[in-house]
Amino acid sequence: MNSLYILLHVISVVIWVGGMFFAHACLRPIAADQLEPPLRLNLWVGVFGRFFPVVWLAIIILLFTGYMMIFSIWQSMAATPLYVHIMNGAGIVMMLIFMHVFFVPYKKLKAAVIAEDWPAGAKALAQIRMLVGVNILLGMLVIIVASGGRYL
């Protein structure tokens, strides 16, 4: 059963962190260069409207599979190695950042687009961009620790 948990866990990380990386490093610069604010902000509302439900599902899967592996392999948090605690802690911070993005600036972005308040929408999008950048860095840290932590 642990192999299934690992598979689902890794797929969820790849989708979440990979999706953030693609949006931030590939889609964002092109959208900023080629689209005026009304089109760009509408695009981001649409992109986030499709990506964020996937992130919610990834979070549920990550929490379930992560804790199932902890308690099936080590039986307690106390017996869990340091690298797993680092992954857990960084993952929880990532989840909290995502929840803030979802409930605060994303909500403001959607409201601004509906009201056609492009400066407010740009401000909300800038906050999302900064927080996604932080989450990408944390996600990379988690990947580094997950892939090499037991050997450090």
N, C-alpha and C. Protein backbone atom coordinates (compact mmCIF):
# COMPACT_ATOMS: atom_id res chain seq x y z
N MET A 1 0.82 -1.20 0.00
CA MET A 1 0.00 0.00 0.00
C MET A 1 0.86 1.27 0.00
N ASN A 2 2.04 1.19 0.64
CA ASN A 2 2.90 2.37 0.66
C ASN A 2 3.33 2.80 -0.73
N SER A 3 3.49 1.85 -1.66
CA SER A 3 3.88 2.22 -3.02
C SER A 3 2.78 3.05 -3.69
N LEU A 4 1.53 2.72 -3.42
CA LEU A 4 0.42 3.51 -3.96
C LEU A 4 0.41 4.91 -3.33
N TYR A 5 0.66 4.99 -2.03
CA TYR A 5 0.72 6.30 -1.36
C TYR A 5 1.85 7.15 -1.94
N ILE A 6 3.00 6.54 -2.15
CA ILE A 6 4.14 7.28 -2.71
C ILE A 6 3.80 7.77 -4.11
N LEU A 7 3.21 6.92 -4.93
CA LEU A 7 2.83 7.29 -6.29
C LEU A 7 1.87 8.47 -6.29
N LEU A 8 0.80 8.39 -5.52
CA LEU A 8 -0.18 9.47 -5.46
C LEU A 8 0.43 10.75 -4.89
N HIS A 9 1.31 10.59 -3.91
CA HIS A 9 1.97 11.73 -3.28
C HIS A 9 2.84 12.46 -4.31
N VAL A 10 3.67 11.71 -5.02
CA VAL A 10 4.58 12.31 -6.00
C VAL A 10 3.79 12.94 -7.16
N ILE A 11 2.77 12.28 -7.64
CA ILE A 11 1.96 12.86 -8.72
C ILE A 11 1.33 14.17 -8.28
N SER A 12 0.84 14.22 -7.06
CA SER A 12 0.23 15.46 -6.54
C SER A 12 1.25 16.59 -6.46
N VAL A 13 2.45 16.27 -6.01
CA VAL A 13 3.51 17.29 -5.93
C VAL A 13 3.87 17.79 -7.33
N VAL A 14 4.03 16.87 -8.26
CA VAL A 14 4.40 17.24 -9.63
C VAL A 14 3.34 18.15 -10.24
N ILE A 15 2.08 17.81 -10.07
CA ILE A 15 1.00 18.63 -10.63
C ILE A 15 0.98 20.01 -9.99
N TRP A 16 1.08 20.08 -8.65
CA TRP A 16 1.00 21.37 -7.97
C TRP A 16 2.23 22.23 -8.25
N VAL A 17 3.41 21.72 -7.98
CA VAL A 17 4.62 22.52 -8.15
C VAL A 17 4.88 22.77 -9.63
N GLY A 18 4.70 21.75 -10.44
CA GLY A 18 4.88 21.94 -11.88
C GLY A 18 3.91 22.94 -12.47
N GLY A 19 2.68 22.90 -12.01
CA GLY A 19 1.68 23.86 -12.49
C GLY A 19 2.04 25.29 -12.09
N MET A 20 2.50 25.45 -10.86
CA MET A 20 2.93 26.79 -10.42
C MET A 20 4.11 27.27 -11.25
N PHE A 21 5.10 26.39 -11.46
CA PHE A 21 6.28 26.76 -12.24
C PHE A 21 5.89 27.17 -13.65
N PHE A 22 5.06 26.36 -14.30
CA PHE A 22 4.62 26.69 -15.66
C PHE A 22 3.92 28.05 -15.69
N ALA A 23 2.97 28.25 -14.78
CA ALA A 23 2.21 29.50 -14.77
C ALA A 23 3.12 30.70 -14.53
N HIS A 24 4.04 30.57 -13.58
CA HIS A 24 4.88 31.68 -13.17
C HIS A 24 6.00 31.96 -14.18
N ALA A 25 6.66 30.92 -14.65
CA ALA A 25 7.85 31.11 -15.48
C ALA A 25 7.56 31.14 -16.97
N CYS A 26 6.47 30.54 -17.40
CA CYS A 26 6.18 30.44 -18.84
C CYS A 26 4.97 31.27 -19.26
N LEU A 27 3.83 31.04 -18.63
CA LEU A 27 2.60 31.72 -19.04
C LEU A 27 2.60 33.20 -18.65
N ARG A 28 3.02 33.52 -17.42
CA ARG A 28 2.96 34.90 -16.93
C ARG A 28 3.73 35.88 -17.80
N PRO A 29 5.00 35.60 -18.14
CA PRO A 29 5.73 36.60 -18.95
C PRO A 29 5.09 36.85 -20.32
N ILE A 30 4.59 35.81 -20.95
CA ILE A 30 3.96 35.98 -22.26
C ILE A 30 2.66 36.76 -22.12
N ALA A 31 1.86 36.42 -21.12
CA ALA A 31 0.60 37.14 -20.91
C ALA A 31 0.86 38.61 -20.62
N ALA A 32 1.89 38.89 -19.82
CA ALA A 32 2.22 40.28 -19.48
C ALA A 32 2.68 41.06 -20.71
N ASP A 33 3.43 40.40 -21.60
CA ASP A 33 3.94 41.08 -22.79
C ASP A 33 2.89 41.27 -23.88
N GLN A 34 1.96 40.33 -23.98
CA GLN A 34 1.09 40.33 -25.15
C GLN A 34 -0.36 40.73 -24.90
N LEU A 35 -0.77 40.79 -23.63
CA LEU A 35 -2.19 41.06 -23.36
C LEU A 35 -2.36 42.34 -22.55
N GLU A 36 -3.34 43.12 -22.94
CA GLU A 36 -3.71 44.31 -22.16
C GLU A 36 -4.37 43.86 -20.87
N PRO A 37 -4.39 44.73 -19.84
CA PRO A 37 -4.93 44.32 -18.52
C PRO A 37 -6.29 43.63 -18.55
N PRO A 38 -7.29 44.12 -19.29
CA PRO A 38 -8.57 43.41 -19.25
C PRO A 38 -8.46 41.95 -19.71
N LEU A 39 -7.76 41.71 -20.79
CA LEU A 39 -7.60 40.34 -21.29
C LEU A 39 -6.72 39.51 -20.36
N ARG A 40 -5.62 40.12 -19.89
CA ARG A 40 -4.68 39.40 -19.03
C ARG A 40 -5.34 38.99 -17.71
N LEU A 41 -6.06 39.90 -17.10
CA LEU A 41 -6.69 39.59 -15.81
C LEU A 41 -7.81 38.58 -15.98
N ASN A 42 -8.57 38.68 -17.06
CA ASN A 42 -9.59 37.67 -17.34
C ASN A 42 -8.95 36.30 -17.59
N LEU A 43 -7.82 36.28 -18.29
CA LEU A 43 -7.10 35.03 -18.52
C LEU A 43 -6.73 34.39 -17.19
N TRP A 44 -6.16 35.18 -16.26
CA TRP A 44 -5.71 34.64 -14.98
C TRP A 44 -6.88 34.14 -14.14
N VAL A 45 -8.00 34.83 -14.17
CA VAL A 45 -9.18 34.34 -13.44
C VAL A 45 -9.57 32.97 -14.00
N GLY A 46 -9.54 32.83 -15.31
CA GLY A 46 -9.87 31.55 -15.93
C GLY A 46 -8.86 30.46 -15.60
N VAL A 47 -7.57 30.80 -15.68
CA VAL A 47 -6.52 29.83 -15.37
C VAL A 47 -6.63 29.36 -13.92
N PHE A 48 -6.74 30.33 -13.01
CA PHE A 48 -6.84 29.96 -11.59
C PHE A 48 -8.13 29.20 -11.31
N GLY A 49 -9.20 29.55 -12.02
CA GLY A 49 -10.47 28.84 -11.84
C GLY A 49 -10.37 27.36 -12.20
N ARG A 50 -9.46 27.02 -13.10
CA ARG A 50 -9.24 25.61 -13.45
C ARG A 50 -8.16 24.96 -12.60
N PHE A 51 -7.11 25.74 -12.25
CA PHE A 51 -5.97 25.16 -11.53
C PHE A 51 -6.24 25.01 -10.04
N PHE A 52 -6.91 25.96 -9.43
CA PHE A 52 -7.08 25.92 -7.98
C PHE A 52 -7.89 24.72 -7.49
N PRO A 53 -8.94 24.27 -8.17
CA PRO A 53 -9.60 23.03 -7.71
C PRO A 53 -8.65 21.82 -7.75
N VAL A 54 -7.75 21.80 -8.72
CA VAL A 54 -6.76 20.73 -8.80
C VAL A 54 -5.81 20.81 -7.61
N VAL A 55 -5.43 22.04 -7.23
CA VAL A 55 -4.55 22.22 -6.07
C VAL A 55 -5.26 21.75 -4.80
N TRP A 56 -6.54 22.07 -4.64
CA TRP A 56 -7.28 21.59 -3.47
C TRP A 56 -7.25 20.07 -3.41
N LEU A 57 -7.48 19.42 -4.54
CA LEU A 57 -7.43 17.95 -4.58
C LEU A 57 -6.02 17.45 -4.25
N ALA A 58 -5.00 18.10 -4.80
CA ALA A 58 -3.62 17.71 -4.51
C ALA A 58 -3.33 17.83 -3.02
N ILE A 59 -3.80 18.88 -2.39
CA ILE A 59 -3.58 19.07 -0.95
C ILE A 59 -4.22 17.93 -0.15
N ILE A 60 -5.43 17.59 -0.50
CA ILE A 60 -6.11 16.49 0.21
C ILE A 60 -5.32 15.20 0.04
N ILE A 61 -4.90 14.92 -1.18
CA ILE A 61 -4.13 13.69 -1.45
C ILE A 61 -2.79 13.73 -0.71
N LEU A 62 -2.11 14.87 -0.74
CA LEU A 62 -0.81 14.98 -0.07
C LEU A 62 -0.93 14.76 1.43
N LEU A 63 -1.93 15.37 2.04
CA LEU A 63 -2.11 15.19 3.49
C LEU A 63 -2.43 13.72 3.81
N PHE A 64 -3.36 13.16 3.08
CA PHE A 64 -3.76 11.77 3.34
C PHE A 64 -2.59 10.81 3.14
N THR A 65 -1.96 10.88 1.97
CA THR A 65 -0.89 9.93 1.68
C THR A 65 0.34 10.16 2.55
N GLY A 66 0.64 11.43 2.81
CA GLY A 66 1.81 11.72 3.65
C GLY A 66 1.67 11.16 5.05
N TYR A 67 0.52 11.40 5.67
CA TYR A 67 0.34 10.90 7.04
C TYR A 67 0.13 9.39 7.07
N MET A 68 -0.46 8.83 6.02
CA MET A 68 -0.57 7.37 5.96
C MET A 68 0.82 6.75 5.89
N MET A 69 1.71 7.34 5.11
CA MET A 69 3.08 6.81 5.04
C MET A 69 3.81 6.97 6.36
N ILE A 70 3.67 8.14 6.98
CA ILE A 70 4.34 8.36 8.27
C ILE A 70 3.91 7.31 9.28
N PHE A 71 2.62 7.10 9.40
CA PHE A 71 2.14 6.21 10.45
C PHE A 71 2.24 4.73 10.08
N SER A 72 2.33 4.42 8.79
CA SER A 72 2.52 3.01 8.42
C SER A 72 4.00 2.61 8.43
N ILE A 73 4.87 3.57 8.14
CA ILE A 73 6.31 3.25 8.11
C ILE A 73 6.95 3.43 9.48
N TRP A 74 6.70 4.59 10.13
CA TRP A 74 7.39 4.90 11.39
C TRP A 74 6.49 4.80 12.62
N GLN A 75 5.21 4.64 12.44
CA GLN A 75 4.21 4.47 13.49
C GLN A 75 3.96 5.71 14.35
N SER A 76 4.80 6.72 14.30
CA SER A 76 4.57 7.94 15.08
C SER A 76 5.39 9.09 14.50
N MET A 77 4.99 10.30 14.82
CA MET A 77 5.77 11.46 14.40
C MET A 77 7.12 11.48 15.11
N ALA A 78 7.17 11.00 16.33
CA ALA A 78 8.41 11.01 17.10
C ALA A 78 9.49 10.14 16.45
N ALA A 79 9.11 9.08 15.80
CA ALA A 79 10.08 8.17 15.17
C ALA A 79 10.38 8.56 13.73
N THR A 80 9.71 9.58 13.22
CA THR A 80 9.88 10.00 11.83
C THR A 80 11.19 10.76 11.67
N PRO A 81 11.95 10.49 10.60
CA PRO A 81 13.23 11.18 10.39
C PRO A 81 13.06 12.68 10.15
N LEU A 82 14.14 13.41 10.39
CA LEU A 82 14.14 14.87 10.26
C LEU A 82 13.72 15.30 8.85
N TYR A 83 14.21 14.64 7.81
CA TYR A 83 13.87 15.09 6.45
C TYR A 83 12.36 15.02 6.20
N VAL A 84 11.68 14.07 6.81
CA VAL A 84 10.22 13.97 6.65
C VAL A 84 9.54 15.12 7.39
N HIS A 85 10.06 15.48 8.56
CA HIS A 85 9.51 16.64 9.29
C HIS A 85 9.70 17.93 8.48
N ILE A 86 10.85 18.04 7.81
CA ILE A 86 11.10 19.23 6.97
C ILE A 86 10.09 19.26 5.82
N MET A 87 9.90 18.13 5.16
CA MET A 87 8.90 18.06 4.07
C MET A 87 7.51 18.42 4.60
N ASN A 88 7.15 17.85 5.73
CA ASN A 88 5.84 18.09 6.32
C ASN A 88 5.67 19.58 6.63
N GLY A 89 6.66 20.15 7.31
CA GLY A 89 6.56 21.56 7.69
C GLY A 89 6.49 22.48 6.49
N ALA A 90 7.36 22.27 5.50
CA ALA A 90 7.34 23.11 4.30
C ALA A 90 6.04 22.92 3.53
N GLY A 91 5.55 21.68 3.48
CA GLY A 91 4.27 21.42 2.81
C GLY A 91 3.11 22.12 3.48
N ILE A 92 3.09 22.11 4.80
CA ILE A 92 2.02 22.80 5.53
C ILE A 92 2.09 24.31 5.26
N VAL A 93 3.31 24.88 5.27
CA VAL A 93 3.45 26.31 4.96
C VAL A 93 2.94 26.59 3.54
N MET A 94 3.28 25.73 2.59
CA MET A 94 2.80 25.90 1.22
C MET A 94 1.26 25.88 1.17
N MET A 95 0.67 24.96 1.91
CA MET A 95 -0.78 24.86 1.93
C MET A 95 -1.42 26.12 2.52
N LEU A 96 -0.82 26.64 3.57
CA LEU A 96 -1.34 27.87 4.19
C LEU A 96 -1.21 29.06 3.24
N ILE A 97 -0.08 29.14 2.54
CA ILE A 97 0.08 30.21 1.55
C ILE A 97 -0.96 30.07 0.45
N PHE A 98 -1.17 28.85 -0.04
CA PHE A 98 -2.19 28.65 -1.06
C PHE A 98 -3.56 29.07 -0.56
N MET A 99 -3.91 28.68 0.67
CA MET A 99 -5.22 29.04 1.20
C MET A 99 -5.37 30.56 1.30
N HIS A 100 -4.30 31.24 1.69
CA HIS A 100 -4.35 32.71 1.73
C HIS A 100 -4.58 33.26 0.32
N VAL A 101 -3.83 32.73 -0.65
CA VAL A 101 -4.00 33.18 -2.04
C VAL A 101 -5.44 32.95 -2.49
N PHE A 102 -5.97 31.79 -2.20
CA PHE A 102 -7.32 31.44 -2.65
C PHE A 102 -8.38 32.34 -2.02
N PHE A 103 -8.27 32.57 -0.71
CA PHE A 103 -9.33 33.28 -0.01
C PHE A 103 -9.16 34.80 0.02
N VAL A 104 -7.97 35.32 -0.28
CA VAL A 104 -7.79 36.77 -0.21
C VAL A 104 -7.49 37.37 -1.59
N PRO A 105 -6.26 37.27 -2.12
CA PRO A 105 -6.03 37.98 -3.38
C PRO A 105 -6.79 37.42 -4.58
N TYR A 106 -7.01 36.10 -4.62
CA TYR A 106 -7.79 35.55 -5.74
C TYR A 106 -9.22 36.05 -5.68
N LYS A 107 -9.79 36.13 -4.50
CA LYS A 107 -11.14 36.67 -4.34
C LYS A 107 -11.17 38.13 -4.81
N LYS A 108 -10.15 38.90 -4.44
CA LYS A 108 -10.07 40.30 -4.87
C LYS A 108 -9.89 40.40 -6.39
N LEU A 109 -9.09 39.50 -6.95
CA LEU A 109 -8.90 39.50 -8.40
C LEU A 109 -10.21 39.25 -9.12
N LYS A 110 -10.96 38.26 -8.69
CA LYS A 110 -12.24 37.97 -9.34
C LYS A 110 -13.20 39.16 -9.22
N ALA A 111 -13.26 39.76 -8.03
CA ALA A 111 -14.15 40.92 -7.84
C ALA A 111 -13.71 42.09 -8.71
N ALA A 112 -12.42 42.30 -8.82
CA ALA A 112 -11.91 43.41 -9.64
C ALA A 112 -12.23 43.19 -11.12
N VAL A 113 -12.12 41.96 -11.58
CA VAL A 113 -12.42 41.67 -12.99
C VAL A 113 -13.91 41.89 -13.25
N ILE A 114 -14.76 41.44 -12.34
CA ILE A 114 -16.20 41.65 -12.50
C ILE A 114 -16.52 43.14 -12.55
N ALA A 115 -15.86 43.93 -11.68
CA ALA A 115 -16.10 45.37 -11.61
C ALA A 115 -15.31 46.14 -12.68
N GLU A 116 -14.49 45.43 -13.44
CA GLU A 116 -13.61 46.05 -14.43
C GLU A 116 -12.70 47.10 -13.81
N ASP A 117 -12.26 46.81 -12.58
CA ASP A 117 -11.32 47.67 -11.86
C ASP A 117 -9.92 47.10 -12.10
N TRP A 118 -9.32 47.47 -13.23
CA TRP A 118 -8.07 46.87 -13.66
C TRP A 118 -6.90 47.18 -12.73
N PRO A 119 -6.78 48.38 -12.15
CA PRO A 119 -5.69 48.61 -11.20
C PRO A 119 -5.80 47.70 -9.96
N ALA A 120 -7.01 47.50 -9.44
CA ALA A 120 -7.18 46.61 -8.28
C ALA A 120 -6.89 45.17 -8.67
N GLY A 121 -7.29 44.79 -9.87
CA GLY A 121 -7.00 43.45 -10.34
C GLY A 121 -5.50 43.21 -10.50
N ALA A 122 -4.81 44.22 -11.03
CA ALA A 122 -3.36 44.11 -11.19
C ALA A 122 -2.67 43.99 -9.84
N LYS A 123 -3.16 44.72 -8.85
CA LYS A 123 -2.58 44.65 -7.50
C LYS A 123 -2.78 43.25 -6.90
N ALA A 124 -3.97 42.71 -7.05
CA ALA A 124 -4.25 41.36 -6.53
C ALA A 124 -3.39 40.32 -7.26
N LEU A 125 -3.26 40.47 -8.57
CA LEU A 125 -2.46 39.53 -9.34
C LEU A 125 -0.99 39.61 -8.94
N ALA A 126 -0.50 40.80 -8.67
CA ALA A 126 0.89 40.96 -8.23
C ALA A 126 1.12 40.24 -6.90
N GLN A 127 0.15 40.33 -6.00
CA GLN A 127 0.28 39.62 -4.72
C GLN A 127 0.27 38.11 -4.95
N ILE A 128 -0.60 37.64 -5.81
CA ILE A 128 -0.63 36.21 -6.13
C ILE A 128 0.71 35.78 -6.72
N ARG A 129 1.24 36.57 -7.65
CA ARG A 129 2.51 36.24 -8.30
C ARG A 129 3.63 36.11 -7.27
N MET A 130 3.69 37.02 -6.32
CA MET A 130 4.74 36.97 -5.30
C MET A 130 4.59 35.74 -4.42
N LEU A 131 3.37 35.44 -4.00
CA LEU A 131 3.14 34.28 -3.13
C LEU A 131 3.35 32.96 -3.87
N VAL A 132 2.98 32.90 -5.12
CA VAL A 132 3.26 31.71 -5.92
C VAL A 132 4.77 31.53 -6.07
N GLY A 133 5.50 32.62 -6.24
CA GLY A 133 6.96 32.53 -6.30
C GLY A 133 7.54 31.93 -5.03
N VAL A 134 7.02 32.35 -3.88
CA VAL A 134 7.46 31.77 -2.60
C VAL A 134 7.13 30.29 -2.57
N ASN A 135 5.92 29.93 -2.99
CA ASN A 135 5.53 28.52 -2.97
C ASN A 135 6.34 27.67 -3.94
N ILE A 136 6.76 28.24 -5.05
CA ILE A 136 7.63 27.49 -5.97
C ILE A 136 8.95 27.17 -5.27
N LEU A 137 9.52 28.16 -4.60
CA LEU A 137 10.78 27.93 -3.88
C LEU A 137 10.61 26.88 -2.79
N LEU A 138 9.52 26.98 -2.04
CA LEU A 138 9.26 25.98 -1.00
C LEU A 138 9.04 24.60 -1.63
N GLY A 139 8.33 24.56 -2.74
CA GLY A 139 8.09 23.29 -3.44
C GLY A 139 9.39 22.67 -3.91
N MET A 140 10.31 23.50 -4.41
CA MET A 140 11.62 22.99 -4.83
C MET A 140 12.39 22.45 -3.62
N LEU A 141 12.29 23.15 -2.50
CA LEU A 141 12.93 22.66 -1.27
C LEU A 141 12.37 21.30 -0.89
N VAL A 142 11.06 21.16 -0.94
CA VAL A 142 10.43 19.87 -0.60
C VAL A 142 10.92 18.78 -1.55
N ILE A 143 11.02 19.08 -2.83
CA ILE A 143 11.48 18.09 -3.79
C ILE A 143 12.93 17.69 -3.51
N ILE A 144 13.76 18.67 -3.19
CA ILE A 144 15.17 18.38 -2.86
C ILE A 144 15.26 17.51 -1.62
N VAL A 145 14.52 17.88 -0.60
CA VAL A 145 14.54 17.11 0.65
C VAL A 145 13.96 15.71 0.44
N ALA A 146 12.88 15.62 -0.33
CA ALA A 146 12.26 14.32 -0.57
C ALA A 146 13.19 13.39 -1.34
N SER A 147 13.87 13.94 -2.32
CA SER A 147 14.71 13.08 -3.15
C SER A 147 16.07 12.78 -2.54
N GLY A 148 16.57 13.67 -1.70
CA GLY A 148 17.90 13.44 -1.15
C GLY A 148 18.02 13.47 0.35
N GLY A 149 16.93 13.78 1.04
CA GLY A 149 16.97 13.97 2.49
C GLY A 149 17.49 12.79 3.28
N ARG A 150 17.11 11.62 2.91
CA ARG A 150 17.54 10.44 3.66
C ARG A 150 19.04 10.20 3.52
N TYR A 151 19.68 10.82 2.50
CA TYR A 151 21.10 10.61 2.29
C TYR A 151 21.96 11.71 2.90
N LEU A 152 21.33 12.76 3.38
CA LEU A 152 22.09 13.89 3.94
C LEU A 152 22.46 13.65 5.40
